[in-house]
Each structure stands twice: as C-alpha cells, then as structure tokens.
Amino acid sequence: MNAGAATDPAQDRDPGLQPERTRLAWRRTTLSSTVAAVLAMKASLHGGVRVEGVLVCALCCALWLGFLTVAHRRIRTLTADGEPPALAPRHATTAVLCAVALAVCAAVLVY
C-alpha cells in the first residue's frame, strides 16, 4: 500500500468548489464597495453641493470603477473552463488599494 497516495490532499479536493466560493466573495466585495460609493455620493450631496464633496465623490467613483474592473476580470477568469490561474500581484495590489482608498474617501465624506 502506498501511504503517500492516501494522504495526498490534491486527490481528495474538489477543485470546483473553491473557484465558486472565490467568485462569490468577489461579488460580495463588489456589492459592498458599490454601497460605499453610493453612500459617499449621498453624503457629499447632503448639505449642499460643495467643491470638496464633489471632488471626493468623483474620486470615490473612480476608485469604485477601478475595483469593479479588477473584480469583473477575476470573476470572468474564475468562470472559465479549467483551473483558473492565480491572481496576478498587480491586480491584487490594485484591488486592495482601491478598496482601502474607497474606505478612506467614504470616511472623509462622513466627517
């Protein structure tokens, strides 16, 4: 009996579940960033239109579009046939920076 074959986790793993969970996580994160962008727009327009508020709102929208682009590209990759490749470091960095910057812009609009 070959002990190495029985303990190999690659043989026991269902490769179809993890890309599906990752795709759903990208969708949830996209939805939450959409909500943050919409609330930022609402906050910027709540006491009248000010130049600072409009600029921060435009920045939030640009960051949201950047994150949406990266997320959509990754979701398309995950739904393709075969094993999906790893997320490129530059795309991961872009997604993280957009998400963090969007949170900072939303916080600036609230205060």
C-alpha atoms as a PDB file:
ATOM      1  CA  MET A   1       0.000   0.000   0.000  1.00  0.00           C
ATOM      2  CA  ASN A   2       1.316   3.413  -0.916  1.00  0.00           C
ATOM      3  CA  ALA A   3       0.979   5.715   2.094  1.00  0.00           C
ATOM      4  CA  GLY A   4       1.772   8.856   0.078  1.00  0.00           C
ATOM      5  CA  ALA A   5      -1.228   8.425  -2.225  1.00  0.00           C
ATOM      6  CA  ALA A   6      -3.706   8.121   0.657  1.00  0.00           C
ATOM      7  CA  THR A   7      -2.586  11.362   2.326  1.00  0.00           C
ATOM      8  CA  ASP A   8      -2.272  13.475  -0.825  1.00  0.00           C
ATOM      9  CA  PRO A   9      -4.798  16.319  -0.321  1.00  0.00           C
ATOM     10  CA  ALA A  10      -4.806  17.150  -4.046  1.00  0.00           C
ATOM     11  CA  GLN A  11      -6.597  13.893  -4.794  1.00  0.00           C
ATOM     12  CA  ASP A  12      -9.286  14.420  -2.135  1.00  0.00           C
ATOM     13  CA  ARG A  13     -10.030  18.037  -3.022  1.00  0.00           C
ATOM     14  CA  ASP A  14     -12.952  19.045  -5.229  1.00  0.00           C
ATOM     15  CA  PRO A  15     -11.488  21.787  -7.468  1.00  0.00           C
ATOM     16  CA  GLY A  16     -14.902  23.090  -8.479  1.00  0.00           C
ATOM     17  CA  LEU A  17     -15.923  24.485  -5.106  1.00  0.00           C
ATOM     18  CA  GLN A  18     -13.092  26.874  -4.353  1.00  0.00           C
ATOM     19  CA  PRO A  19     -13.346  28.948  -7.555  1.00  0.00           C
ATOM     20  CA  GLU A  20     -17.098  29.226  -6.954  1.00  0.00           C
ATOM     21  CA  ARG A  21     -16.554  30.484  -3.380  1.00  0.00           C
ATOM     22  CA  THR A  22     -13.922  32.928  -4.615  1.00  0.00           C
ATOM     23  CA  ARG A  23     -16.246  34.200  -7.353  1.00  0.00           C
ATOM     24  CA  LEU A  24     -18.991  34.766  -4.788  1.00  0.00           C
ATOM     25  CA  ALA A  25     -16.546  36.581  -2.500  1.00  0.00           C
ATOM     26  CA  TRP A  26     -15.586  38.910  -5.356  1.00  0.00           C
ATOM     27  CA  ARG A  27     -19.291  39.595  -5.978  1.00  0.00           C
ATOM     28  CA  ARG A  28     -19.934  40.348  -2.277  1.00  0.00           C
ATOM     29  CA  THR A  29     -16.958  42.689  -2.128  1.00  0.00           C
ATOM     30  CA  THR A  30     -18.093  44.440  -5.295  1.00  0.00           C
ATOM     31  CA  LEU A  31     -21.560  44.880  -3.806  1.00  0.00           C
ATOM     32  CA  SER A  32     -20.171  46.344  -0.578  1.00  0.00           C
ATOM     33  CA  SER A  33     -17.905  48.755  -2.489  1.00  0.00           C
ATOM     34  CA  THR A  34     -20.925  49.806  -4.561  1.00  0.00           C
ATOM     35  CA  VAL A  35     -22.849  50.560  -1.379  1.00  0.00           C
ATOM     36  CA  ALA A  36     -19.895  52.546  -0.016  1.00  0.00           C
ATOM     37  CA  ALA A  37     -19.661  54.571  -3.243  1.00  0.00           C
ATOM     38  CA  VAL A  38     -23.403  55.304  -3.268  1.00  0.00           C
ATOM     39  CA  LEU A  39     -23.343  56.359   0.388  1.00  0.00           C
ATOM     40  CA  ALA A  40     -20.320  58.561  -0.338  1.00  0.00           C
ATOM     41  CA  MET A  41     -22.249  60.269  -3.129  1.00  0.00           C
ATOM     42  CA  LYS A  42     -25.229  60.746  -0.848  1.00  0.00           C
ATOM     43  CA  ALA A  43     -23.022  62.183   1.904  1.00  0.00           C
ATOM     44  CA  SER A  44     -21.325  64.580  -0.498  1.00  0.00           C
ATOM     45  CA  LEU A  45     -24.667  65.959  -1.655  1.00  0.00           C
ATOM     46  CA  HIS A  46     -26.338  66.028   1.789  1.00  0.00           C
ATOM     47  CA  GLY A  47     -25.781  69.648   2.977  1.00  0.00           C
ATOM     48  CA  GLY A  48     -25.469  71.257  -0.401  1.00  0.00           C
ATOM     49  CA  VAL A  49     -23.051  70.849  -3.220  1.00  0.00           C
ATOM     50  CA  ARG A  50     -19.502  71.821  -2.276  1.00  0.00           C
ATOM     51  CA  VAL A  51     -16.418  71.586  -4.452  1.00  0.00           C
ATOM     52  CA  GLU A  52     -14.575  69.366  -1.941  1.00  0.00           C
ATOM     53  CA  GLY A  53     -17.505  67.000  -1.683  1.00  0.00           C
ATOM     54  CA  VAL A  54     -17.834  66.708  -5.446  1.00  0.00           C
ATOM     55  CA  LEU A  55     -14.094  66.036  -5.828  1.00  0.00           C
ATOM     56  CA  VAL A  56     -14.084  63.332  -3.163  1.00  0.00           C
ATOM     57  CA  CYS A  57     -17.255  61.868  -4.662  1.00  0.00           C
ATOM     58  CA  ALA A  58     -15.622  61.763  -8.112  1.00  0.00           C
ATOM     59  CA  LEU A  59     -12.566  60.096  -6.596  1.00  0.00           C
ATOM     60  CA  CYS A  60     -14.790  57.510  -4.905  1.00  0.00           C
ATOM     61  CA  CYS A  61     -16.489  56.776  -8.220  1.00  0.00           C
ATOM     62  CA  ALA A  62     -13.146  56.393  -9.990  1.00  0.00           C
ATOM     63  CA  LEU A  63     -11.884  54.033  -7.284  1.00  0.00           C
ATOM     64  CA  TRP A  64     -15.115  52.054  -7.469  1.00  0.00           C
ATOM     65  CA  LEU A  65     -14.749  51.709 -11.236  1.00  0.00           C
ATOM     66  CA  GLY A  66     -11.139  50.540 -10.801  1.00  0.00           C
ATOM     67  CA  PHE A  67     -12.171  47.903  -8.286  1.00  0.00           C
ATOM     68  CA  LEU A  68     -15.133  46.872 -10.432  1.00  0.00           C
ATOM     69  CA  THR A  69     -12.831  46.357 -13.421  1.00  0.00           C
ATOM     70  CA  VAL A  70     -10.440  44.128 -11.476  1.00  0.00           C
ATOM     71  CA  ALA A  71     -13.295  42.178  -9.883  1.00  0.00           C
ATOM     72  CA  HIS A  72     -15.107  41.645 -13.173  1.00  0.00           C
ATOM     73  CA  ARG A  73     -11.925  40.412 -14.843  1.00  0.00           C
ATOM     74  CA  ARG A  74     -11.315  37.971 -11.988  1.00  0.00           C
ATOM     75  CA  ILE A  75     -14.921  36.721 -11.991  1.00  0.00           C
ATOM     76  CA  ARG A  76     -14.684  36.072 -15.741  1.00  0.00           C
ATOM     77  CA  THR A  77     -11.435  34.167 -15.200  1.00  0.00           C
ATOM     78  CA  LEU A  78     -12.972  32.053 -12.439  1.00  0.00           C
ATOM     79  CA  THR A  79     -15.988  31.103 -14.549  1.00  0.00           C
ATOM     80  CA  ALA A  80     -13.842  29.922 -17.488  1.00  0.00           C
ATOM     81  CA  ASP A  81     -13.302  26.209 -18.002  1.00  0.00           C
ATOM     82  CA  GLY A  82     -10.277  24.558 -16.470  1.00  0.00           C
ATOM     83  CA  GLU A  83      -8.264  25.501 -13.434  1.00  0.00           C
ATOM     84  CA  PRO A  84      -8.123  29.288 -13.015  1.00  0.00           C
ATOM     85  CA  PRO A  85      -4.684  30.892 -12.784  1.00  0.00           C
ATOM     86  CA  ALA A  86      -3.586  32.690  -9.650  1.00  0.00           C
ATOM     87  CA  LEU A  87      -4.493  36.352  -9.308  1.00  0.00           C
ATOM     88  CA  ALA A  88      -1.678  38.496 -10.680  1.00  0.00           C
ATOM     89  CA  PRO A  89       0.103  40.533  -7.991  1.00  0.00           C
ATOM     90  CA  ARG A  90      -0.586  43.826  -9.773  1.00  0.00           C
ATOM     91  CA  HIS A  91      -4.322  43.046  -9.911  1.00  0.00           C
ATOM     92  CA  ALA A  92      -4.332  42.073  -6.244  1.00  0.00           C
ATOM     93  CA  THR A  93      -2.489  45.270  -5.354  1.00  0.00           C
ATOM     94  CA  THR A  94      -4.919  47.337  -7.420  1.00  0.00           C
ATOM     95  CA  ALA A  95      -7.938  45.728  -5.749  1.00  0.00           C
ATOM     96  CA  VAL A  96      -6.543  46.294  -2.250  1.00  0.00           C
ATOM     97  CA  LEU A  97      -5.537  49.894  -2.934  1.00  0.00           C
ATOM     98  CA  CYS A  98      -8.919  50.715  -4.477  1.00  0.00           C
ATOM     99  CA  ALA A  99     -10.800  49.156  -1.563  1.00  0.00           C
ATOM    100  CA  VAL A 100      -8.700  50.924   1.084  1.00  0.00           C
ATOM    101  CA  ALA A 101      -8.780  54.262  -0.726  1.00  0.00           C
ATOM    102  CA  LEU A 102     -12.551  53.968  -1.195  1.00  0.00           C
ATOM    103  CA  ALA A 103     -12.954  53.369   2.537  1.00  0.00           C
ATOM    104  CA  VAL A 104     -10.767  56.403   3.304  1.00  0.00           C
ATOM    105  CA  CYS A 105     -12.751  58.614   0.908  1.00  0.00           C
ATOM    106  CA  ALA A 106     -16.015  57.465   2.400  1.00  0.00           C
ATOM    107  CA  ALA A 107     -14.684  58.220   5.893  1.00  0.00           C
ATOM    108  CA  VAL A 108     -13.596  61.688   4.780  1.00  0.00           C
ATOM    109  CA  LEU A 109     -17.076  62.390   3.455  1.00  0.00           C
ATOM    110  CA  VAL A 110     -18.698  61.267   6.690  1.00  0.00           C
ATOM    111  CA  TYR A 111     -16.559  63.564   8.861  1.00  0.00           C
END
